[in-house]
N, C-alpha and C. Protein backbone atom coordinates (compact mmCIF):
# COMPACT_ATOMS: atom_id res chain seq x y z
N UNK A 1 0.84 -1.17 0.00
CA UNK A 1 0.00 0.00 0.00
C UNK A 1 0.89 1.24 0.00
N UNK A 2 0.54 2.18 -0.82
CA UNK A 2 1.23 3.46 -0.90
C UNK A 2 0.49 4.44 -0.01
N UNK A 3 1.18 4.96 1.02
CA UNK A 3 0.48 5.79 1.98
C UNK A 3 1.29 7.00 2.40
N UNK A 4 0.57 8.10 2.57
CA UNK A 4 1.14 9.28 3.23
C UNK A 4 0.91 9.05 4.72
N UNK A 5 1.99 9.05 5.48
CA UNK A 5 1.94 8.70 6.90
C UNK A 5 2.27 9.93 7.74
N UNK A 6 1.42 10.20 8.75
CA UNK A 6 1.73 11.32 9.63
C UNK A 6 2.44 10.82 10.89
N UNK A 7 2.90 11.74 11.70
CA UNK A 7 3.73 11.40 12.85
C UNK A 7 3.00 10.56 13.89
N UNK A 8 1.68 10.70 13.99
CA UNK A 8 0.96 9.92 14.99
C UNK A 8 1.12 8.41 14.76
N UNK A 9 1.19 8.02 13.52
CA UNK A 9 1.35 6.60 13.18
C UNK A 9 2.76 6.13 13.54
N UNK A 10 3.76 6.89 13.15
CA UNK A 10 5.15 6.51 13.42
C UNK A 10 5.42 6.48 14.91
N UNK A 11 4.91 7.45 15.64
CA UNK A 11 5.14 7.49 17.09
C UNK A 11 4.53 6.28 17.78
N UNK A 12 3.33 5.88 17.41
CA UNK A 12 2.73 4.69 18.03
C UNK A 12 3.53 3.43 17.76
N UNK A 13 4.06 3.32 16.54
CA UNK A 13 4.87 2.15 16.19
C UNK A 13 6.18 2.17 16.97
N UNK A 14 6.89 3.28 16.93
CA UNK A 14 8.20 3.36 17.58
C UNK A 14 8.11 3.26 19.10
N UNK A 15 7.05 3.81 19.67
CA UNK A 15 6.89 3.79 21.12
C UNK A 15 6.23 2.50 21.61
N UNK A 16 5.82 1.65 20.68
CA UNK A 16 5.19 0.39 21.06
C UNK A 16 3.85 0.59 21.74
N UNK A 17 3.14 1.63 21.36
CA UNK A 17 1.86 1.93 21.98
C UNK A 17 0.76 1.01 21.47
N UNK A 18 -0.28 0.89 22.28
CA UNK A 18 -1.44 0.09 21.90
C UNK A 18 -2.17 0.76 20.74
N UNK A 19 -2.97 -0.02 20.06
CA UNK A 19 -3.81 0.47 18.97
C UNK A 19 -3.03 1.08 17.82
N UNK A 20 -1.84 0.53 17.55
CA UNK A 20 -1.12 1.05 16.39
C UNK A 20 -1.87 0.64 15.12
N UNK A 21 -1.60 1.34 14.07
CA UNK A 21 -2.28 1.15 12.79
C UNK A 21 -2.18 -0.31 12.34
N UNK A 22 -3.33 -0.95 12.14
CA UNK A 22 -3.31 -2.36 11.74
C UNK A 22 -2.73 -2.53 10.34
N UNK A 23 -2.86 -1.51 9.51
CA UNK A 23 -2.34 -1.59 8.14
C UNK A 23 -0.84 -1.29 8.05
N UNK A 24 -0.20 -0.99 9.18
CA UNK A 24 1.21 -0.60 9.17
C UNK A 24 2.06 -1.57 8.37
N UNK A 25 1.88 -2.86 8.55
CA UNK A 25 2.71 -3.85 7.87
C UNK A 25 2.40 -3.93 6.37
N UNK A 26 1.27 -3.38 5.94
CA UNK A 26 0.91 -3.38 4.52
C UNK A 26 1.44 -2.16 3.77
N UNK A 27 1.98 -1.19 4.49
CA UNK A 27 2.51 0.01 3.84
C UNK A 27 3.90 -0.31 3.31
N UNK A 28 3.99 -0.40 1.99
CA UNK A 28 5.26 -0.74 1.35
C UNK A 28 5.98 0.49 0.81
N UNK A 29 5.24 1.56 0.67
CA UNK A 29 5.79 2.79 0.09
C UNK A 29 5.38 3.98 0.98
N UNK A 30 6.02 4.10 2.18
CA UNK A 30 5.63 5.20 3.07
C UNK A 30 6.17 6.55 2.58
N UNK A 31 5.31 7.54 2.64
CA UNK A 31 5.66 8.89 2.20
C UNK A 31 5.22 9.85 3.29
N UNK A 32 5.99 10.89 3.50
CA UNK A 32 5.59 11.94 4.43
C UNK A 32 6.34 13.21 4.08
N UNK A 33 5.96 14.27 4.77
CA UNK A 33 6.68 15.53 4.67
C UNK A 33 7.94 15.44 5.52
N UNK A 34 8.94 16.23 5.18
CA UNK A 34 10.13 16.29 6.01
C UNK A 34 9.79 16.74 7.43
N UNK A 35 8.61 17.26 7.60
CA UNK A 35 8.11 17.69 8.89
C UNK A 35 8.01 16.54 9.89
N UNK A 36 7.84 15.31 9.40
CA UNK A 36 7.64 14.17 10.29
C UNK A 36 8.84 13.97 11.23
N UNK A 37 10.02 14.17 10.74
CA UNK A 37 11.22 14.00 11.57
C UNK A 37 11.21 15.00 12.72
N UNK A 38 10.88 16.24 12.42
CA UNK A 38 10.85 17.29 13.44
C UNK A 38 9.77 16.98 14.47
N UNK A 39 8.56 16.66 14.01
CA UNK A 39 7.46 16.37 14.93
C UNK A 39 7.78 15.21 15.87
N UNK A 40 8.31 14.13 15.31
CA UNK A 40 8.60 12.95 16.13
C UNK A 40 9.70 13.23 17.15
N UNK A 41 10.77 13.88 16.72
CA UNK A 41 11.86 14.15 17.65
C UNK A 41 11.48 15.17 18.71
N UNK A 42 10.64 16.14 18.35
CA UNK A 42 10.16 17.10 19.35
C UNK A 42 9.28 16.41 20.39
N UNK A 43 8.49 15.43 19.96
CA UNK A 43 7.65 14.68 20.89
C UNK A 43 8.52 13.94 21.91
N UNK A 44 9.58 13.32 21.43
CA UNK A 44 10.50 12.63 22.35
C UNK A 44 11.15 13.62 23.31
N UNK A 45 11.57 14.75 22.80
CA UNK A 45 12.23 15.73 23.67
C UNK A 45 11.27 16.27 24.72
N UNK A 46 10.01 16.48 24.34
CA UNK A 46 9.00 16.92 25.31
C UNK A 46 8.85 15.89 26.43
N UNK A 47 8.81 14.62 26.05
CA UNK A 47 8.68 13.55 27.05
C UNK A 47 9.89 13.54 27.99
N UNK A 48 11.06 13.78 27.44
CA UNK A 48 12.27 13.85 28.27
C UNK A 48 12.18 15.01 29.25
N UNK A 49 11.81 16.17 28.76
CA UNK A 49 11.73 17.36 29.62
C UNK A 49 10.64 17.23 30.69
N UNK A 50 9.62 16.45 30.41
CA UNK A 50 8.55 16.22 31.38
C UNK A 50 8.88 15.08 32.34
N UNK A 51 10.07 14.51 32.19
CA UNK A 51 10.51 13.45 33.09
C UNK A 51 9.92 12.09 32.79
N UNK A 52 9.35 11.92 31.59
CA UNK A 52 8.74 10.64 31.23
C UNK A 52 9.71 9.71 30.52
N UNK A 53 10.89 10.21 30.13
CA UNK A 53 11.90 9.38 29.46
C UNK A 53 13.27 9.64 30.08
N UNK A 54 13.96 8.58 30.39
CA UNK A 54 15.35 8.67 30.84
C UNK A 54 16.26 8.59 29.62
N UNK A 55 17.49 9.04 29.78
CA UNK A 55 18.42 9.12 28.65
C UNK A 55 18.59 7.81 27.87
N UNK A 56 18.78 6.65 28.53
CA UNK A 56 18.96 5.42 27.73
C UNK A 56 17.73 5.09 26.87
N UNK A 57 16.54 5.26 27.44
CA UNK A 57 15.33 4.99 26.67
C UNK A 57 15.15 6.02 25.56
N UNK A 58 15.46 7.27 25.85
CA UNK A 58 15.39 8.31 24.84
C UNK A 58 16.30 8.00 23.67
N UNK A 59 17.53 7.59 23.96
CA UNK A 59 18.49 7.27 22.89
C UNK A 59 17.99 6.13 22.02
N UNK A 60 17.43 5.09 22.66
CA UNK A 60 16.91 3.94 21.90
C UNK A 60 15.72 4.35 21.04
N UNK A 61 14.79 5.09 21.63
CA UNK A 61 13.60 5.52 20.88
C UNK A 61 13.97 6.45 19.74
N UNK A 62 14.90 7.34 19.98
CA UNK A 62 15.35 8.26 18.93
C UNK A 62 15.93 7.47 17.76
N UNK A 63 16.78 6.49 18.06
CA UNK A 63 17.37 5.65 17.01
C UNK A 63 16.29 4.88 16.26
N UNK A 64 15.32 4.33 17.00
CA UNK A 64 14.23 3.58 16.36
C UNK A 64 13.41 4.48 15.42
N UNK A 65 13.09 5.68 15.90
CA UNK A 65 12.33 6.62 15.07
C UNK A 65 13.08 6.98 13.80
N UNK A 66 14.35 7.31 13.95
CA UNK A 66 15.14 7.69 12.78
C UNK A 66 15.27 6.54 11.79
N UNK A 67 15.37 5.31 12.31
CA UNK A 67 15.45 4.15 11.43
C UNK A 67 14.15 3.98 10.63
N UNK A 68 13.02 4.17 11.28
CA UNK A 68 11.74 4.08 10.58
C UNK A 68 11.64 5.17 9.53
N UNK A 69 11.96 6.39 9.89
CA UNK A 69 11.82 7.52 8.98
C UNK A 69 12.77 7.40 7.78
N UNK A 70 13.90 6.74 7.95
CA UNK A 70 14.83 6.53 6.83
C UNK A 70 14.20 5.73 5.70
N UNK A 71 13.17 4.96 6.00
CA UNK A 71 12.52 4.14 4.97
C UNK A 71 11.49 4.94 4.17
N UNK A 72 11.23 6.17 4.58
CA UNK A 72 10.21 7.01 3.95
C UNK A 72 10.78 7.82 2.79
N UNK A 73 9.94 8.08 1.81
CA UNK A 73 10.22 9.12 0.82
C UNK A 73 9.72 10.40 1.47
N UNK A 74 10.63 11.35 1.69
CA UNK A 74 10.25 12.60 2.36
C UNK A 74 10.07 13.72 1.36
N UNK A 75 8.96 14.43 1.50
CA UNK A 75 8.61 15.53 0.62
C UNK A 75 9.13 16.83 1.21
N UNK A 76 9.86 17.58 0.42
CA UNK A 76 10.38 18.88 0.85
C UNK A 76 9.25 19.89 0.95
N UNK A 77 9.32 20.73 1.97
CA UNK A 77 8.33 21.80 2.13
C UNK A 77 8.71 22.97 1.23
N UNK A 78 8.43 22.81 -0.05
CA UNK A 78 8.79 23.86 -1.01
C UNK A 78 7.74 24.97 -1.00
N UNK A 79 7.96 25.99 -1.80
CA UNK A 79 7.04 27.14 -1.81
C UNK A 79 5.63 26.75 -2.23
N UNK A 80 5.50 25.81 -3.17
CA UNK A 80 4.17 25.38 -3.60
C UNK A 80 3.39 24.73 -2.47
N UNK A 81 4.06 23.90 -1.70
CA UNK A 81 3.40 23.23 -0.58
C UNK A 81 3.05 24.23 0.52
N UNK A 82 3.97 25.12 0.83
CA UNK A 82 3.68 26.13 1.85
C UNK A 82 2.53 27.05 1.41
N UNK A 83 2.50 27.38 0.14
CA UNK A 83 1.43 28.22 -0.38
C UNK A 83 0.08 27.51 -0.28
N UNK A 84 0.03 26.22 -0.67
CA UNK A 84 -1.23 25.46 -0.58
C UNK A 84 -1.66 25.31 0.88
N UNK A 85 -0.72 25.11 1.78
CA UNK A 85 -1.05 24.96 3.20
C UNK A 85 -1.68 26.23 3.77
N UNK A 86 -1.34 27.37 3.20
CA UNK A 86 -1.91 28.65 3.65
C UNK A 86 -3.31 28.90 3.10
N UNK A 87 -3.67 28.19 2.04
CA UNK A 87 -5.00 28.35 1.44
C UNK A 87 -6.07 27.66 2.28
N UNK A 88 -7.34 27.98 2.04
CA UNK A 88 -8.43 27.35 2.81
C UNK A 88 -8.53 25.84 2.55
N UNK A 89 -9.03 25.14 3.56
CA UNK A 89 -9.35 23.71 3.47
C UNK A 89 -10.84 23.55 3.76
N UNK A 90 -11.42 22.44 3.36
CA UNK A 90 -12.87 22.28 3.54
C UNK A 90 -13.29 22.05 4.99
N UNK A 91 -12.37 21.73 5.87
CA UNK A 91 -12.67 21.49 7.28
C UNK A 91 -11.60 22.17 8.13
N UNK A 92 -11.81 22.14 9.44
CA UNK A 92 -10.84 22.70 10.37
C UNK A 92 -9.50 21.97 10.25
N UNK A 93 -8.43 22.73 10.02
CA UNK A 93 -7.11 22.14 9.86
C UNK A 93 -6.09 23.00 10.60
N UNK A 94 -5.33 22.37 11.49
CA UNK A 94 -4.26 23.08 12.19
C UNK A 94 -3.06 23.25 11.25
N UNK A 95 -2.13 24.09 11.64
CA UNK A 95 -1.01 24.47 10.78
C UNK A 95 -0.18 23.28 10.31
N UNK A 96 0.29 22.45 11.23
CA UNK A 96 1.13 21.33 10.82
C UNK A 96 0.34 20.33 9.97
N UNK A 97 -0.92 20.14 10.30
CA UNK A 97 -1.76 19.26 9.47
C UNK A 97 -1.96 19.84 8.08
N UNK A 98 -2.07 21.16 7.98
CA UNK A 98 -2.19 21.80 6.66
C UNK A 98 -0.95 21.53 5.82
N UNK A 99 0.21 21.56 6.45
CA UNK A 99 1.45 21.24 5.72
C UNK A 99 1.47 19.77 5.29
N UNK A 100 0.99 18.88 6.16
CA UNK A 100 0.91 17.46 5.76
C UNK A 100 -0.08 17.27 4.62
N UNK A 101 -1.25 17.89 4.72
CA UNK A 101 -2.24 17.75 3.65
C UNK A 101 -1.75 18.32 2.33
N UNK A 102 -1.12 19.48 2.40
CA UNK A 102 -0.58 20.08 1.17
C UNK A 102 0.49 19.18 0.55
N UNK A 103 1.30 18.56 1.39
CA UNK A 103 2.32 17.63 0.90
C UNK A 103 1.67 16.41 0.25
N UNK A 104 0.65 15.86 0.91
CA UNK A 104 -0.05 14.69 0.36
C UNK A 104 -0.74 15.04 -0.96
N UNK A 105 -1.34 16.22 -1.04
CA UNK A 105 -1.97 16.65 -2.28
C UNK A 105 -0.95 16.76 -3.41
N UNK A 106 0.24 17.27 -3.10
CA UNK A 106 1.29 17.39 -4.12
C UNK A 106 1.73 16.02 -4.62
N UNK A 107 1.87 15.07 -3.71
CA UNK A 107 2.25 13.71 -4.10
C UNK A 107 1.17 13.10 -4.96
N UNK A 108 -0.07 13.22 -4.53
CA UNK A 108 -1.18 12.64 -5.28
C UNK A 108 -1.30 13.25 -6.68
N UNK A 109 -1.02 14.54 -6.80
CA UNK A 109 -1.12 15.22 -8.10
C UNK A 109 -0.09 14.69 -9.09
N UNK A 110 1.06 14.27 -8.61
CA UNK A 110 2.11 13.80 -9.52
C UNK A 110 2.21 12.29 -9.61
N UNK A 111 1.79 11.59 -8.57
CA UNK A 111 2.01 10.15 -8.55
C UNK A 111 0.74 9.32 -8.43
N UNK A 112 -0.40 9.96 -8.36
CA UNK A 112 -1.66 9.21 -8.34
C UNK A 112 -2.08 8.71 -6.98
N UNK A 113 -2.69 7.54 -6.97
CA UNK A 113 -3.32 6.95 -5.79
C UNK A 113 -2.45 7.03 -4.54
N UNK A 114 -3.07 7.47 -3.45
CA UNK A 114 -2.36 7.62 -2.19
C UNK A 114 -3.36 7.53 -1.05
N UNK A 115 -3.06 6.71 -0.07
CA UNK A 115 -3.89 6.56 1.13
C UNK A 115 -3.30 7.45 2.21
N UNK A 116 -4.14 8.03 3.05
CA UNK A 116 -3.67 8.82 4.19
C UNK A 116 -3.73 7.93 5.43
N UNK A 117 -2.59 7.77 6.11
CA UNK A 117 -2.52 6.98 7.34
C UNK A 117 -2.30 7.93 8.51
N UNK A 118 -3.24 7.91 9.46
CA UNK A 118 -3.16 8.81 10.60
C UNK A 118 -3.96 8.26 11.77
N UNK A 119 -3.65 8.73 12.97
CA UNK A 119 -4.48 8.47 14.15
C UNK A 119 -5.15 9.77 14.60
N UNK A 120 -4.95 10.83 13.85
CA UNK A 120 -5.48 12.16 14.19
C UNK A 120 -6.86 12.32 13.54
N UNK A 121 -7.89 12.42 14.38
CA UNK A 121 -9.26 12.50 13.87
C UNK A 121 -9.52 13.70 12.98
N UNK A 122 -9.03 14.88 13.36
CA UNK A 122 -9.25 16.08 12.54
C UNK A 122 -8.55 15.97 11.19
N UNK A 123 -7.32 15.44 11.20
CA UNK A 123 -6.59 15.25 9.95
C UNK A 123 -7.33 14.24 9.07
N UNK A 124 -7.85 13.19 9.66
CA UNK A 124 -8.59 12.17 8.90
C UNK A 124 -9.82 12.78 8.22
N UNK A 125 -10.57 13.59 8.95
CA UNK A 125 -11.76 14.23 8.39
C UNK A 125 -11.39 15.14 7.22
N UNK A 126 -10.34 15.94 7.41
CA UNK A 126 -9.89 16.84 6.33
C UNK A 126 -9.42 16.06 5.12
N UNK A 127 -8.67 14.98 5.35
CA UNK A 127 -8.17 14.17 4.24
C UNK A 127 -9.33 13.54 3.47
N UNK A 128 -10.32 13.02 4.20
CA UNK A 128 -11.49 12.45 3.53
C UNK A 128 -12.23 13.51 2.71
N UNK A 129 -12.32 14.73 3.26
CA UNK A 129 -12.99 15.82 2.53
C UNK A 129 -12.25 16.17 1.24
N UNK A 130 -10.96 15.87 1.21
CA UNK A 130 -10.15 16.13 0.02
C UNK A 130 -10.07 14.91 -0.90
N UNK A 131 -10.82 13.86 -0.57
CA UNK A 131 -10.89 12.70 -1.45
C UNK A 131 -9.90 11.59 -1.17
N UNK A 132 -9.20 11.65 -0.05
CA UNK A 132 -8.27 10.58 0.30
C UNK A 132 -9.00 9.43 0.97
N UNK A 133 -8.59 8.21 0.68
CA UNK A 133 -8.96 7.08 1.52
C UNK A 133 -8.11 7.19 2.76
N UNK A 134 -8.71 7.02 3.93
CA UNK A 134 -8.00 7.17 5.19
C UNK A 134 -7.98 5.85 5.94
N UNK A 135 -6.80 5.49 6.45
CA UNK A 135 -6.69 4.34 7.35
C UNK A 135 -6.24 4.88 8.69
N UNK A 136 -6.92 4.39 9.74
CA UNK A 136 -6.63 4.86 11.10
C UNK A 136 -6.25 3.70 11.98
């Protein structure tokens, strides 16, 4: 399955959380914005600063996240994507989600069929409104 994957999916897999995406093993061509690396690493750093992660666990999780992200085709946040992210969307969309949606739209425009993989309910609704099949 060819899928645009947001950070919520990668974080659940890397952190070994419950209810991870059942389709995760079917994604053979993961795609995301370069934003995914920043979002995932910031999440780990927040957990460290809140005292929820000790250094050895942080180091292991960071390495696991980076290894997963290395398998992705990452989309650069170019001017076209940033411009589209600033334009209106059919539903409520936060800033980082707008960048993800604009990136997914750019991929779909050039490469065709693309599934949106997310655990974020608002992002899923927006993606569906834009014609994406969504897996949660």
